[in-house]
Amino acid sequence: MSTYTEIAKRIANIIISPASAVGLIDGILSVPQDLGYLAYGYFDTDSRFTRETERFRLINAIRFGILQNENFIRTIEIVLDNFNQYVSESKRDNIYAKTGASVVGRAITNSFLSKKIATAIAQRSSLMISLRGGAR
């Protein structure tokens, strides 16, 4: 087992690795792509039946307990055990750095966009209230 110092050094190396910068940029750039896919999914009527079928499958999975906490945790444990068994430590660190930074990049970008959208809605609402002559 590694000592606490070795674990802390490994985490620090993961955070400051070049893969972290790549992951952060990927995370930031993935948000507009997600918004584009969301808009495409709204306007694309040809695949609506397929998406609806997938939604029903997910609802049934939740209803029959496939996504219960114990089953979900066990599935993640199996995947991570196999991942750790077959992937070298340096590759794992690279993947962890890129994935972690990507999540942070997405979170920061989503927070920024949400704040801008909320501000725009609030300003428009206050403008509409003042144009109507205030609260009645």
Protein backbone atom coordinates (compact mmCIF):
# COMPACT_ATOMS: atom_id res chain seq x y z
CA MET A 1 0.00 0.00 0.00
CA SER A 2 1.24 3.48 -0.82
CA THR A 3 1.89 6.05 1.84
CA TYR A 4 -0.17 9.21 2.10
CA THR A 5 2.71 11.24 0.69
CA GLU A 6 2.97 9.01 -2.39
CA ILE A 7 -0.78 9.23 -2.96
CA ALA A 8 -0.71 13.03 -2.61
CA LYS A 9 2.22 13.27 -5.06
CA ARG A 10 0.40 11.06 -7.55
CA ILE A 11 -2.73 13.21 -7.31
CA ALA A 12 -0.65 16.38 -7.74
CA ASN A 13 1.09 14.89 -10.79
CA ILE A 14 -2.30 14.01 -12.28
CA ILE A 15 -3.61 17.54 -11.72
CA ILE A 16 -0.60 19.33 -13.24
CA SER A 17 -0.11 16.96 -16.18
CA PRO A 18 -0.56 18.24 -19.76
CA ALA A 19 -3.52 15.90 -20.15
CA SER A 20 -5.38 18.05 -17.62
CA ALA A 21 -5.14 21.08 -19.92
CA VAL A 22 -6.37 19.03 -22.87
CA GLY A 23 -9.25 17.67 -20.77
CA LEU A 24 -10.22 21.14 -19.55
CA ILE A 25 -10.38 22.45 -23.12
CA ASP A 26 -12.36 19.39 -24.23
CA GLY A 27 -14.81 19.97 -21.39
CA ILE A 28 -15.27 23.63 -22.27
CA LEU A 29 -15.77 22.89 -25.96
CA SER A 30 -18.19 20.04 -25.32
CA VAL A 31 -20.88 22.32 -23.85
CA PRO A 32 -21.73 24.13 -27.13
CA GLN A 33 -21.68 20.74 -28.85
CA ASP A 34 -24.17 19.40 -26.30
CA LEU A 35 -26.41 22.42 -26.86
CA GLY A 36 -26.24 21.79 -30.59
CA TYR A 37 -27.24 18.15 -30.12
CA LEU A 38 -30.09 19.27 -27.85
CA ALA A 39 -31.39 21.63 -30.54
CA TYR A 40 -30.92 18.98 -33.22
CA GLY A 41 -32.86 16.46 -31.12
CA TYR A 42 -35.71 18.93 -30.77
CA PHE A 43 -35.99 19.65 -34.49
CA ASP A 44 -35.19 16.13 -35.77
CA THR A 45 -38.56 14.46 -36.14
CA ASP A 46 -37.29 11.42 -38.07
CA SER A 47 -35.68 9.80 -35.02
CA ARG A 48 -38.29 10.83 -32.44
CA PHE A 49 -39.76 7.31 -32.23
CA THR A 50 -36.33 5.79 -31.56
CA ARG A 51 -35.60 8.32 -28.80
CA GLU A 52 -39.01 7.71 -27.27
CA THR A 53 -38.39 3.95 -27.29
CA GLU A 54 -35.07 4.47 -25.51
CA ARG A 55 -36.80 6.66 -22.93
CA PHE A 56 -39.32 3.88 -22.21
CA ARG A 57 -36.50 1.34 -21.87
CA LEU A 58 -34.77 3.58 -19.33
CA ILE A 59 -38.02 4.04 -17.37
CA ASN A 60 -38.52 0.27 -17.27
CA ALA A 61 -34.93 -0.23 -16.12
CA ILE A 62 -35.50 2.16 -13.25
CA ARG A 63 -38.85 0.61 -12.39
CA PHE A 64 -37.48 -2.95 -12.27
CA GLY A 65 -34.48 -1.99 -10.16
CA ILE A 66 -31.68 -2.35 -12.68
CA LEU A 67 -30.40 1.09 -11.74
CA GLN A 68 -30.68 0.60 -7.98
CA ASN A 69 -27.78 1.90 -5.94
CA GLU A 70 -26.32 -1.54 -5.06
CA ASN A 71 -26.44 -2.80 -8.65
CA PHE A 72 -25.03 0.45 -9.99
CA ILE A 73 -22.16 0.49 -7.49
CA ARG A 74 -21.35 -3.16 -8.21
CA THR A 75 -21.25 -2.47 -11.95
CA ILE A 76 -18.86 0.45 -11.45
CA GLU A 77 -16.64 -1.69 -9.20
CA ILE A 78 -16.41 -4.43 -11.85
CA VAL A 79 -15.55 -1.93 -14.58
CA LEU A 80 -12.92 -0.17 -12.47
CA ASP A 81 -11.36 -3.46 -11.31
CA ASN A 82 -10.99 -4.63 -14.91
CA PHE A 83 -9.71 -1.21 -15.94
CA ASN A 84 -7.07 -1.22 -13.20
CA GLN A 85 -6.07 -4.77 -14.04
CA TYR A 86 -5.40 -4.22 -17.74
CA VAL A 87 -4.26 -0.58 -17.99
CA SER A 88 -0.84 0.59 -16.83
CA GLU A 89 -0.56 3.17 -14.05
CA SER A 90 0.82 5.89 -16.31
CA LYS A 91 -2.05 5.47 -18.79
CA ARG A 92 -4.55 5.46 -15.93
CA ASP A 93 -3.09 8.71 -14.57
CA ASN A 94 -3.36 10.25 -18.04
CA ILE A 95 -6.98 9.17 -18.39
CA TYR A 96 -7.85 10.37 -14.87
CA ALA A 97 -6.25 13.75 -15.57
CA LYS A 98 -8.08 14.25 -18.85
CA THR A 99 -11.43 13.04 -17.53
CA GLY A 100 -11.28 15.00 -14.29
CA ALA A 101 -10.29 18.22 -16.01
CA SER A 102 -12.98 17.68 -18.63
CA VAL A 103 -15.63 17.42 -15.90
CA VAL A 104 -14.30 20.62 -14.29
CA GLY A 105 -14.32 22.40 -17.67
CA ARG A 106 -17.90 21.36 -18.34
CA ALA A 107 -19.01 22.44 -14.87
CA ILE A 108 -17.37 25.85 -15.15
CA THR A 109 -18.79 26.46 -18.63
CA ASN A 110 -22.28 25.32 -17.64
CA SER A 111 -22.17 27.55 -14.58
CA PHE A 112 -21.07 30.53 -16.65
CA LEU A 113 -23.75 29.97 -19.31
CA SER A 114 -26.46 29.41 -16.72
CA LYS A 115 -25.55 32.65 -14.98
CA LYS A 116 -25.66 34.58 -18.28
CA ILE A 117 -29.01 33.06 -19.27
CA ALA A 118 -30.54 33.75 -15.83
CA THR A 119 -29.31 37.35 -15.96
CA ALA A 120 -30.76 37.84 -19.43
CA ILE A 121 -34.12 36.40 -18.36
CA ALA A 122 -34.22 38.56 -15.23
CA GLN A 123 -33.39 41.72 -17.19
CA ARG A 124 -36.02 40.96 -19.80
CA SER A 125 -38.62 40.24 -17.12
CA SER A 126 -37.93 43.50 -15.29
CA LEU A 127 -38.07 45.38 -18.60
CA MET A 128 -41.44 43.81 -19.45
CA ILE A 129 -42.80 44.71 -15.99
CA SER A 130 -41.68 48.32 -16.33
CA LEU A 131 -43.17 48.55 -19.83
CA ARG A 132 -46.51 47.28 -18.56
CA GLY A 133 -46.53 49.92 -15.86
CA GLY A 134 -45.28 48.04 -12.83
CA ALA A 135 -46.87 45.39 -10.66
CA ARG A 136 -50.66 45.59 -10.35
